[in-house]
Amino acid sequence: MNFPVPLSADELLQTAEKEELYQKLIEQINKDFNLANEGVDIPNSTSAHELKVQLHEKIYRLIQYKFAEYLNLLYIIDVPEDQVKKLDGSDILELSEQVVFLLLKREWMKVWYRNRF
């Protein structure tokens, strides 16, 4: 079974909820952010929309004020460097939204594979 590549963050989060892996996704996000010393402590009761907003705000602040920590976070989560380099960095708000999608995609991949194999 091949990994289903989501086309948007909303689609990814809907799939996670449908497959009953949303809680595991939140746990993985919390775990990796803590490993990077950038804890977000997202409660399991967080809605998909709230999760997206919290991550967007966190990534935006990291890009703006703590760029080295932002790069460390991407490294720890293992977001593909080539995908990050393809993003347009002229608008930080839009960039942070796109990075959240890449981050969610990578975290979802970890959770999905762990659940399957």
PDB file of N, CA and C in Angstrom:
ATOM      1  N   MET A   1       0.836  -1.179   0.000  1.00  0.00           N
ATOM      2  CA  MET A   1       0.000   0.000   0.000  1.00  0.00           C
ATOM      3  C   MET A   1       0.885   1.247   0.000  1.00  0.00           C
ATOM      4  N   ASN A   2       0.677   2.123  -0.944  1.00  0.00           N
ATOM      5  CA  ASN A   2       1.487   3.326  -1.069  1.00  0.00           C
ATOM      6  C   ASN A   2       0.950   4.444  -0.191  1.00  0.00           C
ATOM      7  N   PHE A   3       1.866   5.300   0.242  1.00  0.00           N
ATOM      8  CA  PHE A   3       1.497   6.447   1.061  1.00  0.00           C
ATOM      9  C   PHE A   3       0.622   7.399   0.249  1.00  0.00           C
ATOM     10  N   PRO A   4      -0.578   7.741   0.771  1.00  0.00           N
ATOM     11  CA  PRO A   4      -1.461   8.681   0.057  1.00  0.00           C
ATOM     12  C   PRO A   4      -0.965  10.116   0.234  1.00  0.00           C
ATOM     13  N   VAL A   5      -0.508  10.730  -0.824  1.00  0.00           N
ATOM     14  CA  VAL A   5       0.048  12.084  -0.752  1.00  0.00           C
ATOM     15  C   VAL A   5      -1.085  13.107  -0.719  1.00  0.00           C
ATOM     16  N   PRO A   6      -1.221  13.840   0.396  1.00  0.00           N
ATOM     17  CA  PRO A   6      -2.279  14.851   0.498  1.00  0.00           C
ATOM     18  C   PRO A   6      -1.935  16.086  -0.334  1.00  0.00           C
ATOM     19  N   LEU A   7      -2.963  16.757  -0.823  1.00  0.00           N
ATOM     20  CA  LEU A   7      -2.758  17.946  -1.651  1.00  0.00           C
ATOM     21  C   LEU A   7      -2.833  19.242  -0.853  1.00  0.00           C
ATOM     22  N   SER A   8      -3.342  19.161   0.383  1.00  0.00           N
ATOM     23  CA  SER A   8      -3.435  20.345   1.229  1.00  0.00           C
ATOM     24  C   SER A   8      -3.412  19.919   2.687  1.00  0.00           C
ATOM     25  N   ALA A   9      -3.170  20.889   3.553  1.00  0.00           N
ATOM     26  CA  ALA A   9      -3.164  20.599   4.990  1.00  0.00           C
ATOM     27  C   ALA A   9      -4.544  20.148   5.445  1.00  0.00           C
ATOM     28  N   ASP A  10      -5.593  20.776   4.904  1.00  0.00           N
ATOM     29  CA  ASP A  10      -6.959  20.392   5.282  1.00  0.00           C
ATOM     30  C   ASP A  10      -7.249  18.946   4.892  1.00  0.00           C
ATOM     31  N   GLU A  11      -6.856  18.574   3.682  1.00  0.00           N
ATOM     32  CA  GLU A  11      -7.061  17.194   3.223  1.00  0.00           C
ATOM     33  C   GLU A  11      -6.298  16.213   4.114  1.00  0.00           C
ATOM     34  N   LEU A  12      -5.074  16.566   4.448  1.00  0.00           N
ATOM     35  CA  LEU A  12      -4.246  15.715   5.307  1.00  0.00           C
ATOM     36  C   LEU A  12      -4.911  15.512   6.663  1.00  0.00           C
ATOM     37  N   LEU A  13      -5.386  16.591   7.282  1.00  0.00           N
ATOM     38  CA  LEU A  13      -6.001  16.495   8.600  1.00  0.00           C
ATOM     39  C   LEU A  13      -7.323  15.732   8.552  1.00  0.00           C
ATOM     40  N   GLN A  14      -8.085  15.900   7.479  1.00  0.00           N
ATOM     41  CA  GLN A  14      -9.329  15.126   7.313  1.00  0.00           C
ATOM     42  C   GLN A  14      -9.016  13.641   7.194  1.00  0.00           C
ATOM     43  N   THR A  15      -7.981  13.297   6.443  1.00  0.00           N
ATOM     44  CA  THR A  15      -7.585  11.900   6.285  1.00  0.00           C
ATOM     45  C   THR A  15      -7.139  11.320   7.621  1.00  0.00           C
ATOM     46  N   ALA A  16      -6.377  12.090   8.375  1.00  0.00           N
ATOM     47  CA  ALA A  16      -5.909  11.634   9.689  1.00  0.00           C
ATOM     48  C   ALA A  16      -7.100  11.358  10.613  1.00  0.00           C
ATOM     49  N   GLU A  17      -8.094  12.234  10.576  1.00  0.00           N
ATOM     50  CA  GLU A  17      -9.290  12.030  11.399  1.00  0.00           C
ATOM     51  C   GLU A  17     -10.074  10.809  10.923  1.00  0.00           C
ATOM     52  N   LYS A  18     -10.210  10.674   9.610  1.00  0.00           N
ATOM     53  CA  LYS A  18     -10.968   9.561   9.036  1.00  0.00           C
ATOM     54  C   LYS A  18     -10.320   8.219   9.390  1.00  0.00           C
ATOM     55  N   GLU A  19      -8.998   8.171   9.365  1.00  0.00           N
ATOM     56  CA  GLU A  19      -8.285   6.936   9.664  1.00  0.00           C
ATOM     57  C   GLU A  19      -8.034   6.759  11.161  1.00  0.00           C
ATOM     58  N   GLU A  20      -8.614   7.666  11.951  1.00  0.00           N
ATOM     59  CA  GLU A  20      -8.492   7.633  13.413  1.00  0.00           C
ATOM     60  C   GLU A  20      -7.035   7.678  13.873  1.00  0.00           C
ATOM     61  N   LEU A  21      -6.245   8.489  13.186  1.00  0.00           N
ATOM     62  CA  LEU A  21      -4.841   8.668  13.533  1.00  0.00           C
ATOM     63  C   LEU A  21      -4.530  10.118  13.908  1.00  0.00           C
ATOM     64  N   TYR A  22      -5.563  10.931  14.056  1.00  0.00           N
ATOM     65  CA  TYR A  22      -5.378  12.350  14.363  1.00  0.00           C
ATOM     66  C   TYR A  22      -4.664  12.542  15.704  1.00  0.00           C
ATOM     67  N   GLN A  23      -5.060  11.774  16.724  1.00  0.00           N
ATOM     68  CA  GLN A  23      -4.427  11.877  18.045  1.00  0.00           C
ATOM     69  C   GLN A  23      -2.943  11.521  17.962  1.00  0.00           C
ATOM     70  N   LYS A  24      -2.638  10.495  17.181  1.00  0.00           N
ATOM     71  CA  LYS A  24      -1.240  10.078  17.016  1.00  0.00           C
ATOM     72  C   LYS A  24      -0.442  11.156  16.288  1.00  0.00           C
ATOM     73  N   LEU A  25      -1.084  11.842  15.344  1.00  0.00           N
ATOM     74  CA  LEU A  25      -0.432  12.943  14.628  1.00  0.00           C
ATOM     75  C   LEU A  25      -0.078  14.061  15.605  1.00  0.00           C
ATOM     76  N   ILE A  26      -1.014  14.410  16.476  1.00  0.00           N
ATOM     77  CA  ILE A  26      -0.756  15.446  17.483  1.00  0.00           C
ATOM     78  C   ILE A  26       0.386  15.017  18.406  1.00  0.00           C
ATOM     79  N   GLU A  27       0.366  13.752  18.825  1.00  0.00           N
ATOM     80  CA  GLU A  27       1.436  13.242  19.691  1.00  0.00           C
ATOM     81  C   GLU A  27       2.793  13.338  19.003  1.00  0.00           C
ATOM     82  N   GLN A  28       2.839  12.990  17.717  1.00  0.00           N
ATOM     83  CA  GLN A  28       4.096  13.050  16.963  1.00  0.00           C
ATOM     84  C   GLN A  28       4.580  14.490  16.832  1.00  0.00           C
ATOM     85  N   ILE A  29       3.673  15.416  16.577  1.00  0.00           N
ATOM     86  CA  ILE A  29       4.038  16.833  16.463  1.00  0.00           C
ATOM     87  C   ILE A  29       4.602  17.330  17.789  1.00  0.00           C
ATOM     88  N   ASN A  30       3.897  17.036  18.891  1.00  0.00           N
ATOM     89  CA  ASN A  30       4.377  17.451  20.213  1.00  0.00           C
ATOM     90  C   ASN A  30       5.758  16.863  20.503  1.00  0.00           C
ATOM     91  N   LYS A  31       5.924  15.586  20.181  1.00  0.00           N
ATOM     92  CA  LYS A  31       7.196  14.894  20.436  1.00  0.00           C
ATOM     93  C   LYS A  31       8.345  15.559  19.669  1.00  0.00           C
ATOM     94  N   ASP A  32       8.160  15.791  18.376  1.00  0.00           N
ATOM     95  CA  ASP A  32       9.238  16.354  17.559  1.00  0.00           C
ATOM     96  C   ASP A  32       9.543  17.809  17.918  1.00  0.00           C
ATOM     97  N   PHE A  33       8.520  18.592  18.235  1.00  0.00           N
ATOM     98  CA  PHE A  33       8.758  19.974  18.655  1.00  0.00           C
ATOM     99  C   PHE A  33       9.529  19.995  19.974  1.00  0.00           C
ATOM    100  N   ASN A  34       9.192  19.080  20.882  1.00  0.00           N
ATOM    101  CA  ASN A  34       9.924  18.999  22.152  1.00  0.00           C
ATOM    102  C   ASN A  34      11.371  18.575  21.926  1.00  0.00           C
ATOM    103  N   LEU A  35      11.597  17.643  20.994  1.00  0.00           N
ATOM    104  CA  LEU A  35      12.971  17.236  20.666  1.00  0.00           C
ATOM    105  C   LEU A  35      13.798  18.416  20.170  1.00  0.00           C
ATOM    106  N   ALA A  36      13.137  19.351  19.515  1.00  0.00           N
ATOM    107  CA  ALA A  36      13.816  20.533  18.983  1.00  0.00           C
ATOM    108  C   ALA A  36      13.847  21.677  20.004  1.00  0.00           C
ATOM    109  N   ASN A  37      13.415  21.391  21.233  1.00  0.00           N
ATOM    110  CA  ASN A  37      13.335  22.408  22.296  1.00  0.00           C
ATOM    111  C   ASN A  37      12.453  23.589  21.918  1.00  0.00           C
ATOM    112  N   GLU A  38      11.402  23.315  21.162  1.00  0.00           N
ATOM    113  CA  GLU A  38      10.437  24.338  20.756  1.00  0.00           C
ATOM    114  C   GLU A  38       9.021  23.824  21.048  1.00  0.00           C
ATOM    115  N   GLY A  39       8.811  23.364  22.265  1.00  0.00           N
ATOM    116  CA  GLY A  39       7.545  22.737  22.639  1.00  0.00           C
ATOM    117  C   GLY A  39       6.323  23.555  22.272  1.00  0.00           C
ATOM    118  N   VAL A  40       5.311  22.871  21.787  1.00  0.00           N
ATOM    119  CA  VAL A  40       4.041  23.525  21.462  1.00  0.00           C
ATOM    120  C   VAL A  40       2.919  23.020  22.366  1.00  0.00           C
ATOM    121  N   ASP A  41       3.058  21.834  22.945  1.00  0.00           N
ATOM    122  CA  ASP A  41       2.083  21.247  23.864  1.00  0.00           C
ATOM    123  C   ASP A  41       0.640  21.407  23.380  1.00  0.00           C
ATOM    124  N   ILE A  42       0.359  20.816  22.253  1.00  0.00           N
ATOM    125  CA  ILE A  42      -0.977  20.865  21.669  1.00  0.00           C
ATOM    126  C   ILE A  42      -1.836  19.794  22.345  1.00  0.00           C
ATOM    127  N   PRO A  43      -2.952  20.193  22.968  1.00  0.00           N
ATOM    128  CA  PRO A  43      -3.820  19.205  23.616  1.00  0.00           C
ATOM    129  C   PRO A  43      -4.476  18.285  22.588  1.00  0.00           C
ATOM    130  N   ASN A  44      -4.775  17.060  22.986  1.00  0.00           N
ATOM    131  CA  ASN A  44      -5.428  16.102  22.087  1.00  0.00           C
ATOM    132  C   ASN A  44      -6.814  16.560  21.647  1.00  0.00           C
ATOM    133  N   SER A  45      -7.412  17.464  22.402  1.00  0.00           N
ATOM    134  CA  SER A  45      -8.760  17.947  22.072  1.00  0.00           C
ATOM    135  C   SER A  45      -8.750  19.054  21.018  1.00  0.00           C
ATOM    136  N   THR A  46      -7.580  19.434  20.550  1.00  0.00           N
ATOM    137  CA  THR A  46      -7.444  20.519  19.570  1.00  0.00           C
ATOM    138  C   THR A  46      -8.082  20.126  18.240  1.00  0.00           C
ATOM    139  N   SER A  47      -8.893  21.033  17.700  1.00  0.00           N
ATOM    140  CA  SER A  47      -9.510  20.771  16.396  1.00  0.00           C
ATOM    141  C   SER A  47      -8.464  20.904  15.294  1.00  0.00           C
ATOM    142  N   ALA A  48      -8.780  20.374  14.132  1.00  0.00           N
ATOM    143  CA  ALA A  48      -7.864  20.434  12.992  1.00  0.00           C
ATOM    144  C   ALA A  48      -7.555  21.886  12.622  1.00  0.00           C
ATOM    145  N   HIS A  49      -8.574  22.731  12.637  1.00  0.00           N
ATOM    146  CA  HIS A  49      -8.373  24.138  12.299  1.00  0.00           C
ATOM    147  C   HIS A  49      -7.459  24.811  13.324  1.00  0.00           C
ATOM    148  N   GLU A  50      -7.708  24.556  14.614  1.00  0.00           N
ATOM    149  CA  GLU A  50      -6.882  25.147  15.666  1.00  0.00           C
ATOM    150  C   GLU A  50      -5.433  24.672  15.557  1.00  0.00           C
ATOM    151  N   LEU A  51      -5.258  23.396  15.229  1.00  0.00           N
ATOM    152  CA  LEU A  51      -3.915  22.843  15.074  1.00  0.00           C
ATOM    153  C   LEU A  51      -3.160  23.593  13.986  1.00  0.00           C
ATOM    154  N   LYS A  52      -3.812  23.776  12.860  1.00  0.00           N
ATOM    155  CA  LYS A  52      -3.196  24.489  11.746  1.00  0.00           C
ATOM    156  C   LYS A  52      -2.819  25.914  12.137  1.00  0.00           C
ATOM    157  N   VAL A  53      -3.720  26.589  12.842  1.00  0.00           N
ATOM    158  CA  VAL A  53      -3.477  27.975  13.250  1.00  0.00           C
ATOM    159  C   VAL A  53      -2.314  28.044  14.239  1.00  0.00           C
ATOM    160  N   GLN A  54      -2.289  27.137  15.220  1.00  0.00           N
ATOM    161  CA  GLN A  54      -1.211  27.140  16.215  1.00  0.00           C
ATOM    162  C   GLN A  54       0.148  26.876  15.563  1.00  0.00           C
ATOM    163  N   LEU A  55       0.184  25.909  14.661  1.00  0.00           N
ATOM    164  CA  LEU A  55       1.442  25.611  13.977  1.00  0.00           C
ATOM    165  C   LEU A  55       1.888  26.772  13.101  1.00  0.00           C
ATOM    166  N   HIS A  56       0.928  27.392  12.431  1.00  0.00           N
ATOM    167  CA  HIS A  56       1.241  28.528  11.563  1.00  0.00           C
ATOM    168  C   HIS A  56       1.849  29.662  12.376  1.00  0.00           C
ATOM    169  N   GLU A  57       1.239  29.974  13.525  1.00  0.00           N
ATOM    170  CA  GLU A  57       1.760  31.043  14.372  1.00  0.00           C
ATOM    171  C   GLU A  57       3.161  30.701  14.879  1.00  0.00           C
ATOM    172  N   LYS A  58       3.351  29.455  15.295  1.00  0.00           N
ATOM    173  CA  LYS A  58       4.646  29.022  15.828  1.00  0.00           C
ATOM    174  C   LYS A  58       5.745  29.121  14.752  1.00  0.00           C
ATOM    175  N   ILE A  59       5.462  28.608  13.577  1.00  0.00           N
ATOM    176  CA  ILE A  59       6.447  28.638  12.484  1.00  0.00           C
ATOM    177  C   ILE A  59       6.733  30.080  12.070  1.00  0.00           C
ATOM    178  N   TYR A  60       5.696  30.898  11.993  1.00  0.00           N
ATOM    179  CA  TYR A  60       5.874  32.305  11.627  1.00  0.00           C
ATOM    180  C   TYR A  60       6.823  32.990  12.610  1.00  0.00           C
ATOM    181  N   ARG A  61       6.593  32.781  13.931  1.00  0.00           N
ATOM    182  CA  ARG A  61       7.451  33.395  14.951  1.00  0.00           C
ATOM    183  C   ARG A  61       8.885  32.865  14.871  1.00  0.00           C
ATOM    184  N   LEU A  62       9.028  31.572  14.611  1.00  0.00           N
ATOM    185  CA  LEU A  62      10.374  31.009  14.500  1.00  0.00           C
ATOM    186  C   LEU A  62      11.128  31.609  13.313  1.00  0.00           C
ATOM    187  N   ILE A  63      10.463  31.741  12.182  1.00  0.00           N
ATOM    188  CA  ILE A  63      11.118  32.323  10.996  1.00  0.00           C
ATOM    189  C   ILE A  63      11.516  33.772  11.289  1.00  0.00           C
ATOM    190  N   GLN A  64      10.614  34.516  11.934  1.00  0.00           N
ATOM    191  CA  GLN A  64      10.846  35.928  12.208  1.00  0.00           C
ATOM    192  C   GLN A  64      11.957  36.163  13.236  1.00  0.00           C
ATOM    193  N   TYR A  65      11.915  35.407  14.356  1.00  0.00           N
ATOM    194  CA  TYR A  65      12.744  35.760  15.502  1.00  0.00           C
ATOM    195  C   TYR A  65      13.802  34.723  15.891  1.00  0.00           C
ATOM    196  N   LYS A  66      13.620  33.473  15.460  1.00  0.00           N
ATOM    197  CA  LYS A  66      14.536  32.419  15.896  1.00  0.00           C
ATOM    198  C   LYS A  66      14.837  31.505  14.712  1.00  0.00           C
ATOM    199  N   PHE A  67      15.505  32.063  13.711  1.00  0.00           N
ATOM    200  CA  PHE A  67      15.703  31.338  12.453  1.00  0.00           C
ATOM    201  C   PHE A  67      16.536  30.072  12.631  1.00  0.00           C
ATOM    202  N   ALA A  68      17.559  30.114  13.453  1.00  0.00           N
ATOM    203  CA  ALA A  68      18.398  28.922  13.675  1.00  0.00           C
ATOM    204  C   ALA A  68      17.567  27.799  14.301  1.00  0.00           C
ATOM    205  N   GLU A  69      16.675  28.147  15.230  1.00  0.00           N
ATOM    206  CA  GLU A  69      15.810  27.157  15.864  1.00  0.00           C
ATOM    207  C   GLU A  69      14.804  26.599  14.863  1.00  0.00           C
ATOM    208  N   TYR A  70      14.350  27.463  13.957  1.00  0.00           N
ATOM    209  CA  TYR A  70      13.440  27.040  12.887  1.00  0.00           C
ATOM    210  C   TYR A  70      14.123  25.989  12.003  1.00  0.00           C
ATOM    211  N   LEU A  71      15.361  26.255  11.608  1.00  0.00           N
ATOM    212  CA  LEU A  71      16.103  25.301  10.781  1.00  0.00           C
ATOM    213  C   LEU A  71      16.336  23.993  11.530  1.00  0.00           C
ATOM    214  N   ASN A  72      16.631  24.082  12.822  1.00  0.00           N
ATOM    215  CA  ASN A  72      16.827  22.891  13.648  1.00  0.00           C
ATOM    216  C   ASN A  72      15.541  22.066  13.714  1.00  0.00           C
ATOM    217  N   LEU A  73      14.417  22.731  13.854  1.00  0.00           N
ATOM    218  CA  LEU A  73      13.122  22.043  13.896  1.00  0.00           C
ATOM    219  C   LEU A  73      12.874  21.283  12.594  1.00  0.00           C
ATOM    220  N   LEU A  74      13.126  21.938  11.464  1.00  0.00           N
ATOM    221  CA  LEU A  74      12.936  21.275  10.169  1.00  0.00           C
ATOM    222  C   LEU A  74      13.859  20.067  10.047  1.00  0.00           C
ATOM    223  N   TYR A  75      15.060  20.182  10.567  1.00  0.00           N
ATOM    224  CA  TYR A  75      16.019  19.081  10.529  1.00  0.00           C
ATOM    225  C   TYR A  75      15.531  17.915  11.389  1.00  0.00           C
ATOM    226  N   ILE A  76      15.072  18.214  12.594  1.00  0.00           N
ATOM    227  CA  ILE A  76      14.615  17.158  13.506  1.00  0.00           C
ATOM    228  C   ILE A  76      13.369  16.470  12.963  1.00  0.00           C
ATOM    229  N   ILE A  77      12.453  17.229  12.402  1.00  0.00           N
ATOM    230  CA  ILE A  77      11.237  16.631  11.846  1.00  0.00           C
ATOM    231  C   ILE A  77      11.551  15.912  10.540  1.00  0.00           C
ATOM    232  N   ASP A  78      12.648  16.289   9.900  1.00  0.00           N
ATOM    233  CA  ASP A  78      13.105  15.681   8.653  1.00  0.00           C
ATOM    234  C   ASP A  78      12.265  16.128   7.461  1.00  0.00           C
ATOM    235  N   VAL A  79      11.957  17.426   7.445  1.00  0.00           N
ATOM    236  CA  VAL A  79      11.261  18.011   6.294  1.00  0.00           C
ATOM    237  C   VAL A  79      12.275  18.065   5.154  1.00  0.00           C
ATOM    238  N   PRO A  80      11.917  17.536   3.974  1.00  0.00           N
ATOM    239  CA  PRO A  80      12.871  17.500   2.859  1.00  0.00           C
ATOM    240  C   PRO A  80      13.387  18.894   2.480  1.00  0.00           C
ATOM    241  N   GLU A  81      14.701  19.034   2.510  1.00  0.00           N
ATOM    242  CA  GLU A  81      15.347  20.323   2.245  1.00  0.00           C
ATOM    243  C   GLU A  81      15.023  20.841   0.846  1.00  0.00           C
ATOM    244  N   ASP A  82      14.987  19.953  -0.136  1.00  0.00           N
ATOM    245  CA  ASP A  82      14.710  20.396  -1.506  1.00  0.00           C
ATOM    246  C   ASP A  82      13.312  21.000  -1.630  1.00  0.00           C
ATOM    247  N   GLN A  83      12.350  20.483  -0.862  1.00  0.00           N
ATOM    248  CA  GLN A  83      10.993  21.048  -0.904  1.00  0.00           C
ATOM    249  C   GLN A  83      10.948  22.424  -0.253  1.00  0.00           C
ATOM    250  N   VAL A  84      11.702  22.598   0.819  1.00  0.00           N
ATOM    251  CA  VAL A  84      11.748  23.896   1.495  1.00  0.00           C
ATOM    252  C   VAL A  84      12.411  24.927   0.583  1.00  0.00           C
ATOM    253  N   LYS A  85      13.469  24.527  -0.121  1.00  0.00           N
ATOM    254  CA  LYS A  85      14.184  25.451  -1.009  1.00  0.00           C
ATOM    255  C   LYS A  85      13.322  25.915  -2.181  1.00  0.00           C
ATOM    256  N   LYS A  86      12.334  25.104  -2.572  1.00  0.00           N
ATOM    257  CA  LYS A  86      11.460  25.461  -3.692  1.00  0.00           C
ATOM    258  C   LYS A  86      10.440  26.536  -3.320  1.00  0.00           C
ATOM    259  N   LEU A  87      10.251  26.779  -2.021  1.00  0.00           N
ATOM    260  CA  LEU A  87       9.227  27.736  -1.582  1.00  0.00           C
ATOM    261  C   LEU A  87       9.681  29.167  -1.815  1.00  0.00           C
ATOM    262  N   ASP A  88       8.713  30.041  -2.078  1.00  0.00           N
ATOM    263  CA  ASP A  88       8.982  31.462  -2.274  1.00  0.00           C
ATOM    264  C   ASP A  88       9.024  32.139  -0.910  1.00  0.00           C
ATOM    265  N   GLY A  89      10.165  32.685  -0.552  1.00  0.00           N
ATOM    266  CA  GLY A  89      10.325  33.297   0.758  1.00  0.00           C
ATOM    267  C   GLY A  89      10.051  34.782   0.805  1.00  0.00           C
ATOM    268  N   SER A  90       9.453  35.340  -0.229  1.00  0.00           N
ATOM    269  CA  SER A  90       9.238  36.789  -0.261  1.00  0.00           C
ATOM    270  C   SER A  90       8.144  37.243   0.715  1.00  0.00           C
ATOM    271  N   ASP A  91       7.179  36.390   1.005  1.00  0.00           N
ATOM    272  CA  ASP A  91       6.107  36.709   1.948  1.00  0.00           C
ATOM    273  C   ASP A  91       6.185  35.707   3.097  1.00  0.00           C
ATOM    274  N   ILE A  92       6.631  36.160   4.260  1.00  0.00           N
ATOM    275  CA  ILE A  92       6.862  35.252   5.390  1.00  0.00           C
ATOM    276  C   ILE A  92       5.570  34.597   5.860  1.00  0.00           C
ATOM    277  N   LEU A  93       4.469  35.307   5.788  1.00  0.00           N
ATOM    278  CA  LEU A  93       3.186  34.740   6.204  1.00  0.00           C
ATOM    279  C   LEU A  93       2.810  33.547   5.319  1.00  0.00           C
ATOM    280  N   GLU A  94       2.953  33.726   4.028  1.00  0.00           N
ATOM    281  CA  GLU A  94       2.654  32.641   3.084  1.00  0.00           C
ATOM    282  C   GLU A  94       3.684  31.518   3.196  1.00  0.00           C
ATOM    283  N   LEU A  95       4.941  31.882   3.369  1.00  0.00           N
ATOM    284  CA  LEU A  95       5.998  30.892   3.526  1.00  0.00           C
ATOM    285  C   LEU A  95       5.729  30.004   4.740  1.00  0.00           C
ATOM    286  N   SER A  96       5.366  30.621   5.854  1.00  0.00           N
ATOM    287  CA  SER A  96       5.121  29.838   7.073  1.00  0.00           C
ATOM    288  C   SER A  96       3.935  28.900   6.885  1.00  0.00           C
ATOM    289  N   GLU A  97       2.935  29.322   6.133  1.00  0.00           N
ATOM    290  CA  GLU A  97       1.781  28.451   5.847  1.00  0.00           C
ATOM    291  C   GLU A  97       2.217  27.248   5.009  1.00  0.00           C
ATOM    292  N   GLN A  98       3.065  27.476   4.022  1.00  0.00           N
ATOM    293  CA  GLN A  98       3.554  26.386   3.178  1.00  0.00           C
ATOM    294  C   GLN A  98       4.460  25.438   3.966  1.00  0.00           C
ATOM    295  N   VAL A  99       5.259  25.987   4.871  1.00  0.00           N
ATOM    296  CA  VAL A  99       6.137  25.160   5.704  1.00  0.00           C
ATOM    297  C   VAL A  99       5.297  24.294   6.639  1.00  0.00           C
ATOM    298  N   VAL A 100       4.207  24.837   7.159  1.00  0.00           N
ATOM    299  CA  VAL A 100       3.310  24.050   8.025  1.00  0.00           C
ATOM    300  C   VAL A 100       2.792  22.845   7.248  1.00  0.00           C
ATOM    301  N   PHE A 101       2.435  23.031   5.990  1.00  0.00           N
ATOM    302  CA  PHE A 101       1.955  21.900   5.185  1.00  0.00           C
ATOM    303  C   PHE A 101       3.058  20.855   5.010  1.00  0.00           C
ATOM    304  N   LEU A 102       4.275  21.292   4.699  1.00  0.00           N
ATOM    305  CA  LEU A 102       5.387  20.345   4.557  1.00  0.00           C
ATOM    306  C   LEU A 102       5.652  19.609   5.867  1.00  0.00           C
ATOM    307  N   LEU A 103       5.589  20.344   6.956  1.00  0.00           N
ATOM    308  CA  LEU A 103       5.804  19.760   8.277  1.00  0.00           C
ATOM    309  C   LEU A 103       4.710  18.728   8.591  1.00  0.00           C
ATOM    310  N   LEU A 104       3.461  19.111   8.354  1.00  0.00           N
ATOM    311  CA  LEU A 104       2.347  18.186   8.595  1.00  0.00           C
ATOM    312  C   LEU A 104       2.461  16.943   7.720  1.00  0.00           C
ATOM    313  N   LYS A 105       2.873  17.155   6.475  1.00  0.00           N
ATOM    314  CA  LYS A 105       3.016  16.030   5.545  1.00  0.00           C
ATOM    315  C   LYS A 105       4.058  15.036   6.062  1.00  0.00           C
ATOM    316  N   ARG A 106       5.178  15.553   6.538  1.00  0.00           N
ATOM    317  CA  ARG A 106       6.234  14.672   7.045  1.00  0.00           C
ATOM    318  C   ARG A 106       5.800  13.961   8.321  1.00  0.00           C
ATOM    319  N   GLU A 107       5.143  14.678   9.223  1.00  0.00           N
ATOM    320  CA  GLU A 107       4.662  14.068  10.465  1.00  0.00           C
ATOM    321  C   GLU A 107       3.588  13.014  10.167  1.00  0.00           C
ATOM    322  N   TRP A 108       2.721  13.323   9.213  1.00  0.00           N
ATOM    323  CA  TRP A 108       1.678  12.379   8.823  1.00  0.00           C
ATOM    324  C   TRP A 108       2.300  11.111   8.237  1.00  0.00           C
ATOM    325  N   MET A 109       3.352  11.288   7.441  1.00  0.00           N
ATOM    326  CA  MET A 109       4.026  10.133   6.844  1.00  0.00           C
ATOM    327  C   MET A 109       4.563   9.214   7.946  1.00  0.00           C
ATOM    328  N   LYS A 110       5.179   9.792   8.966  1.00  0.00           N
ATOM    329  CA  LYS A 110       5.704   8.996  10.082  1.00  0.00           C
ATOM    330  C   LYS A 110       4.582   8.207  10.765  1.00  0.00           C
ATOM    331  N   VAL A 111       3.484   8.894  11.063  1.00  0.00           N
ATOM    332  CA  VAL A 111       2.360   8.264  11.770  1.00  0.00           C
ATOM    333  C   VAL A 111       1.721   7.193  10.891  1.00  0.00           C
ATOM    334  N   TRP A 112       1.521   7.511   9.624  1.00  0.00           N
ATOM    335  CA  TRP A 112       0.862   6.576   8.701  1.00  0.00           C
ATOM    336  C   TRP A 112       1.675   5.298   8.553  1.00  0.00           C
ATOM    337  N   TYR A 113       2.983   5.430   8.322  1.00  0.00           N
ATOM    338  CA  TYR A 113       3.836   4.248   8.167  1.00  0.00           C
ATOM    339  C   TYR A 113       3.904   3.425   9.452  1.00  0.00           C
ATOM    340  N   ARG A 114       4.017   4.088  10.577  1.00  0.00           N
ATOM    341  CA  ARG A 114       4.082   3.384  11.863  1.00  0.00           C
ATOM    342  C   ARG A 114       2.796   2.583  12.082  1.00  0.00           C
ATOM    343  N   ASN A 115       1.684   3.131  11.671  1.00  0.00           N
ATOM    344  CA  ASN A 115       0.396   2.456  11.836  1.00  0.00           C
ATOM    345  C   ASN A 115       0.258   1.259  10.884  1.00  0.00           C
ATOM    346  N   ARG A 116       0.845   1.373   9.703  1.00  0.00           N
ATOM    347  CA  ARG A 116       0.707   0.304   8.688  1.00  0.00           C
ATOM    348  C   ARG A 116       1.680  -0.841   8.889  1.00  0.00           C
ATOM    349  N   PHE A 117       2.878  -0.542   9.363  1.00  0.00           N
ATOM    350  CA  PHE A 117       3.913  -1.577   9.381  1.00  0.00           C
ATOM    351  C   PHE A 117       4.446  -1.867  10.742  1.00  0.00           C
TER     352      PHE A 117
END
